[in-house]
C-alpha atoms as a PDB file:
ATOM      1  CA  MET A   1      86.553 120.930 126.842  1.00  0.00           C
ATOM      2  CA  PHE A   2      85.797 122.090 123.581  1.00  0.00           C
ATOM      3  CA  LEU A   3      89.131 123.935 123.797  1.00  0.00           C
ATOM      4  CA  VAL A   4      91.097 120.896 124.451  1.00  0.00           C
ATOM      5  CA  ILE A   5      89.452 118.717 121.891  1.00  0.00           C
ATOM      6  CA  ASN A   6      90.254 121.712 119.418  1.00  0.00           C
ATOM      7  CA  GLN A   7      94.033 121.787 120.181  1.00  0.00           C
ATOM      8  CA  ASN A   8      93.955 118.103 120.052  1.00  0.00           C
ATOM      9  CA  ALA A   9      92.848 117.853 116.247  1.00  0.00           C
ATOM     10  CA  ILE A  10      95.316 121.079 115.459  1.00  0.00           C
ATOM     11  CA  ILE A  11      98.260 118.909 116.862  1.00  0.00           C
ATOM     12  CA  GLN A  12      97.018 115.756 114.968  1.00  0.00           C
ATOM     13  CA  ARG A  13      96.663 117.878 111.595  1.00  0.00           C
ATOM     14  CA  TYR A  14     100.098 119.423 112.063  1.00  0.00           C
ATOM     15  CA  ILE A  15     101.439 115.562 112.691  1.00  0.00           C
ATOM     16  CA  LYS A  16      99.867 114.386 109.280  1.00  0.00           C
ATOM     17  CA  ILE A  17     101.339 117.495 107.333  1.00  0.00           C
ATOM     18  CA  LEU A  18     104.978 116.558 108.934  1.00  0.00           C
ATOM     19  CA  LYS A  19     104.292 112.966 108.074  1.00  0.00           C
ATOM     20  CA  ASP A  20     103.292 113.750 104.543  1.00  0.00           C
ATOM     21  CA  ILE A  21     106.340 116.296 104.102  1.00  0.00           C
ATOM     22  CA  PHE A  22     109.162 113.646 105.196  1.00  0.00           C
ATOM     23  CA  ARG A  23     107.482 110.138 104.582  1.00  0.00           C
ATOM     24  CA  LYS A  24     108.949 110.046 100.823  1.00  0.00           C
ATOM     25  CA  PRO A  25     112.619 111.188 101.549  1.00  0.00           C
ATOM     26  CA  PHE A  26     112.274 108.828 104.625  1.00  0.00           C
ATOM     27  CA  TYR A  27     112.059 105.972 102.016  1.00  0.00           C
ATOM     28  CA  LEU A  28     114.307 107.216  99.543  1.00  0.00           C
ATOM     29  CA  THR A  29     117.012 107.340 102.284  1.00  0.00           C
ATOM     30  CA  TYR A  30     115.943 104.091 103.407  1.00  0.00           C
ATOM     31  CA  ASP A  31     116.116 102.333 100.069  1.00  0.00           C
ATOM     32  CA  PHE A  32     119.856 103.850  99.757  1.00  0.00           C
ATOM     33  CA  LEU A  33     120.962 102.368 103.076  1.00  0.00           C
ATOM     34  CA  ASN A  34     119.058  99.222 103.562  1.00  0.00           C
ATOM     35  CA  HIS A  35     121.150  96.758 101.259  1.00  0.00           C
ATOM     36  CA  SER A  36     119.509  93.323 102.829  1.00  0.00           C
ATOM     37  CA  ASP A  37     116.029  94.504 101.971  1.00  0.00           C
ATOM     38  CA  LYS A  38     117.666  95.728  98.397  1.00  0.00           C
ATOM     39  CA  SER A  39     118.531  92.537  97.493  1.00  0.00           C
ATOM     40  CA  THR A  40     115.004  91.120  98.326  1.00  0.00           C
ATOM     41  CA  LEU A  41     113.381  93.779  96.470  1.00  0.00           C
ATOM     42  CA  ILE A  42     115.496  93.040  93.516  1.00  0.00           C
ATOM     43  CA  LYS A  43     113.844  89.887  92.831  1.00  0.00           C
ATOM     44  CA  ASN A  44     110.597  91.805  91.632  1.00  0.00           C
ATOM     45  CA  GLN A  45     112.452  92.515  88.115  1.00  0.00           C
ATOM     46  CA  GLN A  46     111.365  89.042  87.394  1.00  0.00           C
ATOM     47  CA  LEU A  47     107.718  90.372  87.169  1.00  0.00           C
ATOM     48  CA  LYS A  48     108.313  93.622  84.993  1.00  0.00           C
ATOM     49  CA  LEU A  49     106.236  93.495  82.276  1.00  0.00           C
ATOM     50  CA  LYS A  50     106.074  89.395  82.079  1.00  0.00           C
ATOM     51  CA  TYR A  51     102.473  89.801  81.098  1.00  0.00           C
ATOM     52  CA  ALA A  52     102.793  92.804  78.584  1.00  0.00           C
ATOM     53  CA  GLY A  53      99.744  92.739  76.538  1.00  0.00           C
ATOM     54  CA  LYS A  54      97.628  90.359  78.658  1.00  0.00           C
ATOM     55  CA  ARG A  55      94.465  90.994  80.841  1.00  0.00           C
ATOM     56  CA  ALA A  56      94.111  90.313  84.383  1.00  0.00           C
ATOM     57  CA  PHE A  57      90.997  90.444  86.946  1.00  0.00           C
ATOM     58  CA  LEU A  58      91.481  91.468  90.435  1.00  0.00           C
ATOM     59  CA  LEU A  59      89.463  89.754  92.762  1.00  0.00           C
ATOM     60  CA  LEU A  60      88.764  92.090  95.842  1.00  0.00           C
ATOM     61  CA  THR A  61      86.733  91.262  98.669  1.00  0.00           C
ATOM     62  CA  GLY A  62      83.649  93.404  98.520  1.00  0.00           C
ATOM     63  CA  ALA A  63      80.251  92.331  98.945  1.00  0.00           C
ATOM     64  CA  SER A  64      79.575  93.261  95.291  1.00  0.00           C
ATOM     65  CA  LEU A  65      81.765  90.426  94.374  1.00  0.00           C
ATOM     66  CA  ASP A  66      79.008  87.885  95.093  1.00  0.00           C
ATOM     67  CA  SER A  67      77.438  89.476  91.785  1.00  0.00           C
ATOM     68  CA  ILE A  68      80.406  87.670  89.827  1.00  0.00           C
ATOM     69  CA  ASN A  69      80.577  84.324  88.922  1.00  0.00           C
ATOM     70  CA  LEU A  70      84.219  83.811  89.593  1.00  0.00           C
ATOM     71  CA  THR A  71      84.117  80.077  87.826  1.00  0.00           C
ATOM     72  CA  LYS A  72      84.107  81.876  84.473  1.00  0.00           C
ATOM     73  CA  LEU A  73      87.660  83.050  85.271  1.00  0.00           C
ATOM     74  CA  LYS A  74      89.105  79.709  85.383  1.00  0.00           C
ATOM     75  CA  ASN A  75      91.503  80.314  82.229  1.00  0.00           C
ATOM     76  CA  GLU A  76      92.102  84.190  82.864  1.00  0.00           C
ATOM     77  CA  PHE A  77      94.922  85.637  84.511  1.00  0.00           C
ATOM     78  CA  THR A  78      93.823  86.086  88.422  1.00  0.00           C
ATOM     79  CA  LEU A  79      95.295  88.104  91.496  1.00  0.00           C
ATOM     80  CA  GLY A  80      93.144  87.632  94.554  1.00  0.00           C
ATOM     81  CA  VAL A  81      93.792  89.743  97.855  1.00  0.00           C
ATOM     82  CA  GLY A  82      93.238  89.762 101.734  1.00  0.00           C
ATOM     83  CA  PHE A  83      90.533  87.231 102.735  1.00  0.00           C
ATOM     84  CA  ILE A  84      89.512  86.316  99.249  1.00  0.00           C
ATOM     85  CA  PHE A  85      90.461  82.714 100.533  1.00  0.00           C
ATOM     86  CA  LEU A  86      87.040  82.218 102.264  1.00  0.00           C
ATOM     87  CA  HIS A  87      85.513  82.214  98.888  1.00  0.00           C
ATOM     88  CA  LYS A  88      83.356  79.329  97.858  1.00  0.00           C
ATOM     89  CA  ASP A  89      85.124  79.309  94.366  1.00  0.00           C
ATOM     90  CA  ILE A  90      88.577  79.948  94.889  1.00  0.00           C
ATOM     91  CA  ARG A  91      89.807  76.424  94.658  1.00  0.00           C
ATOM     92  CA  ASN A  92      88.309  76.337  91.196  1.00  0.00           C
ATOM     93  CA  ILE A  93      89.796  79.110  89.391  1.00  0.00           C
ATOM     94  CA  ASN A  94      93.614  78.435  89.383  1.00  0.00           C
ATOM     95  CA  LEU A  95      94.417  81.650  91.400  1.00  0.00           C
ATOM     96  CA  ASP A  96      97.593  82.838  89.565  1.00  0.00           C
ATOM     97  CA  PHE A  97      98.514  85.359  92.369  1.00  0.00           C
ATOM     98  CA  TYR A  98      97.616  86.439  95.960  1.00  0.00           C
ATOM     99  CA  PHE A  99      98.362  89.298  97.497  1.00  0.00           C
ATOM    100  CA  ASP A 100      98.646  90.563 100.864  1.00  0.00           C
ATOM    101  CA  VAL A 101     100.763  93.268 102.390  1.00  0.00           C
ATOM    102  CA  GLU A 102      99.254  93.729 105.917  1.00  0.00           C
ATOM    103  CA  PRO A 103     101.697  93.587 108.332  1.00  0.00           C
ATOM    104  CA  PHE A 104     101.625  90.397 110.441  1.00  0.00           C
ATOM    105  CA  SER A 105     101.702  92.428 113.833  1.00  0.00           C
ATOM    106  CA  THR A 106      97.873  93.781 112.949  1.00  0.00           C
ATOM    107  CA  PHE A 107      96.109  90.570 113.235  1.00  0.00           C
ATOM    108  CA  HIS A 108      95.571  91.151 116.941  1.00  0.00           C
ATOM    109  CA  GLU A 109      92.667  89.397 118.827  1.00  0.00           C
ATOM    110  CA  ASN A 110      89.968  92.103 117.941  1.00  0.00           C
ATOM    111  CA  MET A 111      90.669  92.626 114.376  1.00  0.00           C
ATOM    112  CA  GLY A 112      87.551  93.639 112.737  1.00  0.00           C
ATOM    113  CA  ASN A 113      88.021  91.897 109.440  1.00  0.00           C
ATOM    114  CA  TRP A 114      87.621  88.534 110.858  1.00  0.00           C
ATOM    115  CA  PRO A 115      84.095  86.787 110.462  1.00  0.00           C
ATOM    116  CA  GLU A 116      83.267  85.228 113.661  1.00  0.00           C
ATOM    117  CA  ASP A 117      81.822  82.095 112.155  1.00  0.00           C
ATOM    118  CA  ILE A 118      85.449  81.519 110.706  1.00  0.00           C
ATOM    119  CA  ILE A 119      87.464  82.050 114.124  1.00  0.00           C
ATOM    120  CA  ARG A 120      85.011  80.694 116.554  1.00  0.00           C
ATOM    121  CA  SER A 121      86.573  78.184 118.962  1.00  0.00           C
ATOM    122  CA  ILE A 122      89.624  77.937 116.923  1.00  0.00           C
ATOM    123  CA  ASN A 123      92.850  77.607 119.210  1.00  0.00           C
ATOM    124  CA  GLN A 124      95.510  79.491 117.390  1.00  0.00           C
ATOM    125  CA  SER A 125      96.976  83.001 117.005  1.00  0.00           C
ATOM    126  CA  LYS A 126      94.927  84.995 114.373  1.00  0.00           C
ATOM    127  CA  VAL A 127      98.282  85.526 112.145  1.00  0.00           C
ATOM    128  CA  ASN A 128      98.930  81.919 112.320  1.00  0.00           C
ATOM    129  CA  LEU A 129      95.237  81.218 111.402  1.00  0.00           C
ATOM    130  CA  PHE A 130      95.422  83.587 108.203  1.00  0.00           C
ATOM    131  CA  TYR A 131      98.838  82.421 106.698  1.00  0.00           C
ATOM    132  CA  ASN A 132      97.631  78.720 107.265  1.00  0.00           C
ATOM    133  CA  ASN A 133      94.352  79.082 105.508  1.00  0.00           C
ATOM    134  CA  ILE A 134      96.507  80.888 102.808  1.00  0.00           C
ATOM    135  CA  PHE A 135      98.909  78.066 102.346  1.00  0.00           C
ATOM    136  CA  SER A 136      96.368  75.294 102.789  1.00  0.00           C
ATOM    137  CA  ILE A 137      93.435  76.546 100.695  1.00  0.00           C
ATOM    138  CA  LEU A 138      95.474  78.150  97.814  1.00  0.00           C
ATOM    139  CA  SER A 139      97.187  76.156  95.280  1.00  0.00           C
ATOM    140  CA  GLN A 140     100.917  75.290  95.066  1.00  0.00           C
ATOM    141  CA  ASN A 141     100.816  76.797  91.740  1.00  0.00           C
ATOM    142  CA  THR A 142      99.942  80.381  93.037  1.00  0.00           C
ATOM    143  CA  SER A 143     102.723  82.735  93.471  1.00  0.00           C
ATOM    144  CA  PHE A 144     102.683  85.015  96.889  1.00  0.00           C
ATOM    145  CA  ILE A 145     103.090  88.625  96.963  1.00  0.00           C
ATOM    146  CA  PHE A 146     103.581  89.729 100.627  1.00  0.00           C
ATOM    147  CA  GLY A 147     104.813  92.958 102.508  1.00  0.00           C
ATOM    148  CA  LEU A 148     108.567  92.817 103.337  1.00  0.00           C
ATOM    149  CA  PRO A 149     107.953  93.363 106.969  1.00  0.00           C
ATOM    150  CA  ASN A 150     106.696  89.889 106.908  1.00  0.00           C
ATOM    151  CA  LYS A 151     109.466  87.990 105.408  1.00  0.00           C
ATOM    152  CA  ARG A 152     111.060  86.659 108.664  1.00  0.00           C
ATOM    153  CA  PHE A 153     108.173  85.480 110.052  1.00  0.00           C
ATOM    154  CA  ILE A 154     107.182  83.701 106.772  1.00  0.00           C
ATOM    155  CA  SER A 155     110.384  82.241 106.598  1.00  0.00           C
ATOM    156  CA  LEU A 156     110.731  81.032 110.185  1.00  0.00           C
ATOM    157  CA  ASN A 157     107.450  79.429 110.307  1.00  0.00           C
ATOM    158  CA  TYR A 158     106.614  78.231 106.746  1.00  0.00           C
ATOM    159  CA  PRO A 159     110.191  77.240 105.484  1.00  0.00           C
ATOM    160  CA  HIS A 160     108.189  74.204 103.808  1.00  0.00           C
ATOM    161  CA  ILE A 161     106.401  76.518 101.344  1.00  0.00           C
ATOM    162  CA  THR A 162     107.464  75.837  97.782  1.00  0.00           C
ATOM    163  CA  ASN A 163     105.318  78.313  95.977  1.00  0.00           C
ATOM    164  CA  GLU A 164     107.110  81.473  94.355  1.00  0.00           C
ATOM    165  CA  ILE A 165     107.206  84.462  97.115  1.00  0.00           C
ATOM    166  CA  TYR A 166     107.861  87.985  96.234  1.00  0.00           C
ATOM    167  CA  TYR A 167     108.050  91.001  98.849  1.00  0.00           C
ATOM    168  CA  ILE A 168     107.126  94.594  98.185  1.00  0.00           C
ATOM    169  CA  ARG A 169     107.609  97.518 100.810  1.00  0.00           C
ATOM    170  CA  PRO A 170     104.504 100.150 100.238  1.00  0.00           C
ATOM    171  CA  TYR A 171     103.928 103.104 101.819  1.00  0.00           C
ATOM    172  CA  ASN A 172     100.980 105.858 102.286  1.00  0.00           C
ATOM    173  CA  GLY A 173     101.545 108.778 100.816  1.00  0.00           C
ATOM    174  CA  LEU A 174      99.926 108.670  97.016  1.00  0.00           C
ATOM    175  CA  HIS A 175      97.557 111.193  97.327  1.00  0.00           C
ATOM    176  CA  ASN A 176     100.469 113.651  97.577  1.00  0.00           C
ATOM    177  CA  GLU A 177     101.982 112.605  94.214  1.00  0.00           C
ATOM    178  CA  LYS A 178     101.074 115.036  91.511  1.00  0.00           C
ATOM    179  CA  LYS A 179     103.219 113.479  88.692  1.00  0.00           C
ATOM    180  CA  TYR A 180     104.757 110.080  87.791  1.00  0.00           C
ATOM    181  CA  LYS A 181     107.472 109.132  85.430  1.00  0.00           C
ATOM    182  CA  LYS A 182     106.895 106.539  82.780  1.00  0.00           C
ATOM    183  CA  ASN A 183     108.394 103.994  84.606  1.00  0.00           C
ATOM    184  CA  TYR A 184     106.204 104.268  87.914  1.00  0.00           C
ATOM    185  CA  PRO A 185     105.575 101.829  89.471  1.00  0.00           C
ATOM    186  CA  ASP A 186     108.806 100.214  90.250  1.00  0.00           C
ATOM    187  CA  LEU A 187     108.703  96.955  92.890  1.00  0.00           C
ATOM    188  CA  THR A 188     112.578  96.892  93.569  1.00  0.00           C
ATOM    189  CA  ARG A 189     112.047 100.022  95.845  1.00  0.00           C
ATOM    190  CA  SER A 190     109.626 101.636  98.357  1.00  0.00           C
ATOM    191  CA  LEU A 191     106.475 101.823  96.484  1.00  0.00           C
ATOM    192  CA  ASN A 192     104.453 104.990  97.150  1.00  0.00           C
ATOM    193  CA  SER A 193     101.011 103.441  97.183  1.00  0.00           C
ATOM    194  CA  GLY A 194      98.322 104.702  99.007  1.00  0.00           C
ATOM    195  CA  GLY A 195      98.666 102.345 101.743  1.00  0.00           C
ATOM    196  CA  GLY A 196      95.563 100.167 101.069  1.00  0.00           C
ATOM    197  CA  CYS A 197      95.448  96.824  99.595  1.00  0.00           C
ATOM    198  CA  ILE A 198      93.525  98.005  96.043  1.00  0.00           C
ATOM    199  CA  TYR A 199      95.900 100.697  95.430  1.00  0.00           C
ATOM    200  CA  THR A 200      98.784  98.740  95.655  1.00  0.00           C
ATOM    201  CA  ALA A 201      97.329  95.548  93.822  1.00  0.00           C
ATOM    202  CA  ILE A 202      96.684  97.706  90.588  1.00  0.00           C
ATOM    203  CA  LEU A 203     100.136  98.886  90.687  1.00  0.00           C
ATOM    204  CA  VAL A 204     101.404  95.708  90.824  1.00  0.00           C
ATOM    205  CA  LEU A 205      99.149  94.496  87.794  1.00  0.00           C
ATOM    206  CA  ILE A 206     100.475  97.620  86.147  1.00  0.00           C
ATOM    207  CA  TYR A 207     103.964  96.763  86.863  1.00  0.00           C
ATOM    208  CA  MET A 208     103.678  93.254  85.546  1.00  0.00           C
ATOM    209  CA  GLY A 209     102.686  94.818  82.107  1.00  0.00           C
ATOM    210  CA  PHE A 210      98.646  93.837  82.111  1.00  0.00           C
ATOM    211  CA  SER A 211      97.328  96.320  79.599  1.00  0.00           C
ATOM    212  CA  GLU A 212      93.540  95.693  80.902  1.00  0.00           C
ATOM    213  CA  ILE A 213      92.948  95.172  84.488  1.00  0.00           C
ATOM    214  CA  PHE A 214      88.997  94.293  85.561  1.00  0.00           C
ATOM    215  CA  LEU A 215      88.136  94.974  89.046  1.00  0.00           C
ATOM    216  CA  CYS A 216      85.774  92.247  90.802  1.00  0.00           C
ATOM    217  CA  GLY A 217      84.299  93.231  94.014  1.00  0.00           C
ATOM    218  CA  ALA A 218      85.680  96.778  94.169  1.00  0.00           C
ATOM    219  CA  GLY A 219      82.513  98.081  95.908  1.00  0.00           C
ATOM    220  CA  TYR A 220      84.302 100.827  97.652  1.00  0.00           C
ATOM    221  CA  THR A 221      84.873 102.548  94.123  1.00  0.00           C
ATOM    222  CA  TYR A 222      81.701 103.034  93.805  1.00  0.00           C
ATOM    223  CA  THR A 223      78.547 105.725  94.216  1.00  0.00           C
ATOM    224  CA  PRO A 224      77.134 105.319  96.512  1.00  0.00           C
ATOM    225  CA  SER A 225      79.754 103.393  98.164  1.00  0.00           C
ATOM    226  CA  PHE A 226      79.014  99.398  98.270  1.00  0.00           C
ATOM    227  CA  GLU A 227      80.171  98.604 101.608  1.00  0.00           C
ATOM    228  CA  LEU A 228      80.767  95.331 103.824  1.00  0.00           C
ATOM    229  CA  HIS A 229      82.730  92.148 102.478  1.00  0.00           C
ATOM    230  CA  PHE A 230      81.373  88.826 100.594  1.00  0.00           C
ATOM    231  CA  TYR A 231      81.972  86.991 103.888  1.00  0.00           C
ATOM    232  CA  ASP A 232      80.665  89.111 106.561  1.00  0.00           C
ATOM    233  CA  ASN A 233      77.696  90.769 104.947  1.00  0.00           C
ATOM    234  CA  TYR A 234      74.493  90.457 106.734  1.00  0.00           C
ATOM    235  CA  THR A 235      72.186  87.656 105.361  1.00  0.00           C
ATOM    236  CA  PHE A 236      68.512  86.975 105.750  1.00  0.00           C
ATOM    237  CA  LYS A 237      66.283  83.737 105.315  1.00  0.00           C
ATOM    238  CA  SER A 238      63.745  84.358 103.072  1.00  0.00           C
ATOM    239  CA  LEU A 239      61.072  82.615 105.173  1.00  0.00           C
ATOM    240  CA  HIS A 240      59.075  85.580 105.404  1.00  0.00           C
ATOM    241  CA  GLU A 241      57.812  88.562 103.063  1.00  0.00           C
ATOM    242  CA  LYS A 242      60.239  90.583 101.512  1.00  0.00           C
ATOM    243  CA  GLU A 243      58.975  93.877 103.336  1.00  0.00           C
ATOM    244  CA  TYR A 244      59.349  92.073 106.574  1.00  0.00           C
ATOM    245  CA  ILE A 245      63.195  91.058 105.834  1.00  0.00           C
ATOM    246  CA  ILE A 246      63.777  95.058 104.595  1.00  0.00           C
ATOM    247  CA  THR A 247      62.776  96.006 108.026  1.00  0.00           C
ATOM    248  CA  GLN A 248      64.801  93.530 109.563  1.00  0.00           C
ATOM    249  CA  ALA A 249      68.135  94.399 107.521  1.00  0.00           C
ATOM    250  CA  LYS A 250      67.376  98.174 108.596  1.00  0.00           C
ATOM    251  CA  LYS A 251      67.299  97.020 112.179  1.00  0.00           C
ATOM    252  CA  VAL A 252      70.434  94.753 111.619  1.00  0.00           C
ATOM    253  CA  ILE A 253      72.433  97.870 109.813  1.00  0.00           C
ATOM    254  CA  ASP A 254      71.151 100.258 112.777  1.00  0.00           C
ATOM    255  CA  ARG A 255      72.507  97.945 115.311  1.00  0.00           C
ATOM    256  CA  HIS A 256      75.905  97.878 113.667  1.00  0.00           C
ATOM    257  CA  ASN A 257      76.186 101.604 113.366  1.00  0.00           C
ATOM    258  CA  LYS A 258      75.569 101.911 116.844  1.00  0.00           C
ATOM    259  CA  LYS A 259      78.008  99.212 118.051  1.00  0.00           C
ATOM    260  CA  LEU A 260      80.924 100.303 115.526  1.00  0.00           C
ATOM    261  CA  ASP A 261      79.841 104.136 115.662  1.00  0.00           C
ATOM    262  CA  ASP A 262      79.327 103.794 111.925  1.00  0.00           C
ATOM    263  CA  ASN A 263      76.909 105.581 109.290  1.00  0.00           C
ATOM    264  CA  LEU A 264      75.969 102.801 106.661  1.00  0.00           C
ATOM    265  CA  GLU A 265      72.554 102.777 105.100  1.00  0.00           C
ATOM    266  CA  TYR A 266      70.255 100.233 103.880  1.00  0.00           C
ATOM    267  CA  TYR A 267      69.944 100.389 100.435  1.00  0.00           C
ATOM    268  CA  ASP A 268      68.551  96.840  98.966  1.00  0.00           C
ATOM    269  CA  LEU A 269      68.333  93.273  99.100  1.00  0.00           C
ATOM    270  CA  ASN A 270      69.942  90.806  96.746  1.00  0.00           C
ATOM    271  CA  LYS A 271      68.643  87.387  96.159  1.00  0.00           C
ATOM    272  CA  SER A 272      71.245  84.497  97.007  1.00  0.00           C
ATOM    273  CA  GLY A 273      69.596  80.907  97.094  1.00  0.00           C
ATOM    274  CA  ASP A 274      67.081  80.538  99.662  1.00  0.00           C
ATOM    275  CA  SER A 275      68.229  83.651 101.384  1.00  0.00           C
ATOM    276  CA  TYR A 276      68.535  87.265 100.873  1.00  0.00           C
ATOM    277  CA  ARG A 277      71.471  89.524 101.251  1.00  0.00           C
ATOM    278  CA  GLY A 278      71.831  93.081 102.416  1.00  0.00           C
ATOM    279  CA  VAL A 279      73.111  95.868 100.245  1.00  0.00           C
ATOM    280  CA  PHE A 280      74.162  98.668 102.665  1.00  0.00           C
ATOM    281  CA  VAL A 281      75.982 101.589 101.290  1.00  0.00           C
ATOM    282  CA  ARG A 282      77.854 104.900 102.516  1.00  0.00           C
ATOM    283  CA  HIS A 283      77.582 108.242 100.587  1.00  0.00           C
ATOM    284  CA  LEU A 284      80.746 110.166 100.091  1.00  0.00           C
ATOM    285  CA  LYS A 285      81.445 113.318  98.334  1.00  0.00           C
ATOM    286  CA  ILE A 286      83.349 112.986  95.137  1.00  0.00           C
ATOM    287  CA  ASP A 287      86.131 114.895  96.354  1.00  0.00           C
ATOM    288  CA  ASP A 288      86.622 112.173  99.206  1.00  0.00           C
ATOM    289  CA  LEU A 289      90.067 111.247  99.609  1.00  0.00           C
ATOM    290  CA  GLN A 290      89.288 107.639  98.595  1.00  0.00           C
ATOM    291  CA  TYR A 291      88.118 108.689  95.478  1.00  0.00           C
ATOM    292  CA  GLU A 292      91.197 111.032  94.897  1.00  0.00           C
ATOM    293  CA  LYS A 293      93.758 108.098  95.435  1.00  0.00           C
ATOM    294  CA  HIS A 294      91.971 106.023  92.552  1.00  0.00           C
ATOM    295  CA  ARG A 295      92.052 109.113  90.539  1.00  0.00           C
ATOM    296  CA  VAL A 296      95.836 108.995  90.707  1.00  0.00           C
ATOM    297  CA  ILE A 297      96.019 105.369  90.212  1.00  0.00           C
ATOM    298  CA  ASN A 298      94.227 105.671  86.824  1.00  0.00           C
ATOM    299  CA  ASN A 299      96.480 108.208  85.723  1.00  0.00           C
ATOM    300  CA  ILE A 300      99.142 106.283  86.535  1.00  0.00           C
ATOM    301  CA  ALA A 301      97.596 103.423  84.692  1.00  0.00           C
ATOM    302  CA  ILE A 302      96.700 105.743  81.500  1.00  0.00           C
ATOM    303  CA  SER A 303     100.496 106.899  81.466  1.00  0.00           C
ATOM    304  CA  ASN A 304     101.741 103.389  81.313  1.00  0.00           C
ATOM    305  CA  ASP A 305      98.885 102.645  78.395  1.00  0.00           C
ATOM    306  CA  VAL A 306      96.910 100.412  80.751  1.00  0.00           C
ATOM    307  CA  LYS A 307      93.274 100.307  80.504  1.00  0.00           C
ATOM    308  CA  ILE A 308      90.889  99.859  83.809  1.00  0.00           C
ATOM    309  CA  TYR A 309      87.607  98.323  84.135  1.00  0.00           C
ATOM    310  CA  ASN A 310      85.153  98.483  87.103  1.00  0.00           C
ATOM    311  CA  ILE A 311      82.381  95.463  86.973  1.00  0.00           C
ATOM    312  CA  VAL A 312      79.678  97.446  88.787  1.00  0.00           C
ATOM    313  CA  PRO A 313      76.226  95.704  89.754  1.00  0.00           C
ATOM    314  CA  LYS A 314      73.068  97.401  88.604  1.00  0.00           C
ATOM    315  CA  GLY A 315      71.975 100.469  90.623  1.00  0.00           C
ATOM    316  CA  PHE A 316      75.755 101.662  91.239  1.00  0.00           C
ATOM    317  CA  GLU A 317      78.132 103.813  89.401  1.00  0.00           C
ATOM    318  CA  SER A 318      81.869 104.260  88.839  1.00  0.00           C
ATOM    319  CA  PRO A 319      83.089 107.841  89.221  1.00  0.00           C
ATOM    320  CA  VAL A 320      87.035 106.819  88.393  1.00  0.00           C
ATOM    321  CA  TYR A 321      87.193 103.722  86.016  1.00  0.00           C
ATOM    322  CA  GLU A 322      85.413 102.733  83.152  1.00  0.00           C
ATOM    323  CA  LYS A 323      81.797 101.246  84.198  1.00  0.00           C
ATOM    324  CA  VAL A 324      81.353  97.593  82.590  1.00  0.00           C
ATOM    325  CA  SER A 325      78.700  95.057  83.507  1.00  0.00           C
ATOM    326  CA  TRP A 326      79.090  91.105  84.109  1.00  0.00           C
ATOM    327  CA  ASP A 327      77.258  90.471  81.427  1.00  0.00           C
ATOM    328  CA  GLU A 328      79.353  92.654  79.115  1.00  0.00           C
ATOM    329  CA  VAL A 329      82.469  90.834  80.423  1.00  0.00           C
ATOM    330  CA  LYS A 330      81.021  87.570  80.071  1.00  0.00           C
ATOM    331  CA  LYS A 331      80.472  88.040  76.136  1.00  0.00           C
ATOM    332  CA  ILE A 332      84.395  89.130  76.311  1.00  0.00           C
ATOM    333  CA  LEU A 333      85.398  86.168  78.244  1.00  0.00           C
ATOM    334  CA  LYS A 334      83.592  83.921  75.467  1.00  0.00           C
ATOM    335  CA  LYS A 335      85.253  85.760  72.467  1.00  0.00           C
END
């Protein structure tokens, strides 16, 4: 049995190596041959350095977003990602850009990111539910940036949408790149972005020319890593003594770990109105691939004269990006 498992691990390792070797030349060839996609991507030139010298706030969906008052960003340039449309204040901040490059084919019935209380008893497919929320909740002044594979689906199902829509084609291979030219990133061709929403979104903001980027709710970049999302974190009514609630929080995360084969740990409680929200963390090594990709992203930003700030709550550190508190950011906003 051990021999079979070991052989499978070796095979998977070599498959990954081969993918890493051929991924970049594959997309270079694809860009050269696929003229229809090229005509779509060329529109992105409209965004190049359009906001040179401005600052932007990247609204991510980590549970740490609860420590930020989004309404203070109403007059700032903002880009939101993923399920940010579920945030209670999203209608009040005039979101400039909404970004999601998740292929629509991944929105299957068991997709873990969907909050159960949002989708319960809703009789429609996940992908339609996702886009219906985006287009109904966000402003008509919000510009959208989607993954290119979704273009046909969106064109067929939402022909009435008048918002500006851009498409990009990212792929995962960022950790294999060591040097980047001054004109990187380039959204008019396939984008080696690391495969994650946060990496790609930062590269998009760099391409737009923003000289300062503030990360909001980027708990996965902290040490320890601040896990879960603002919309699916575990909440406890403050009807009992705090010690009792801590015990309950530990039991909840133990059940979570057993159900999902995960290894999150209880860290703290945050008071939110008449409730406590659990703070759950994961301890990663400093050389974890997650941090390595962010180091590459930060180097790209530096090469483009872009400064990235990470809004980090008390008790956490930012091993890659410059740490700043929300109180410090509020002082900047007042100026």
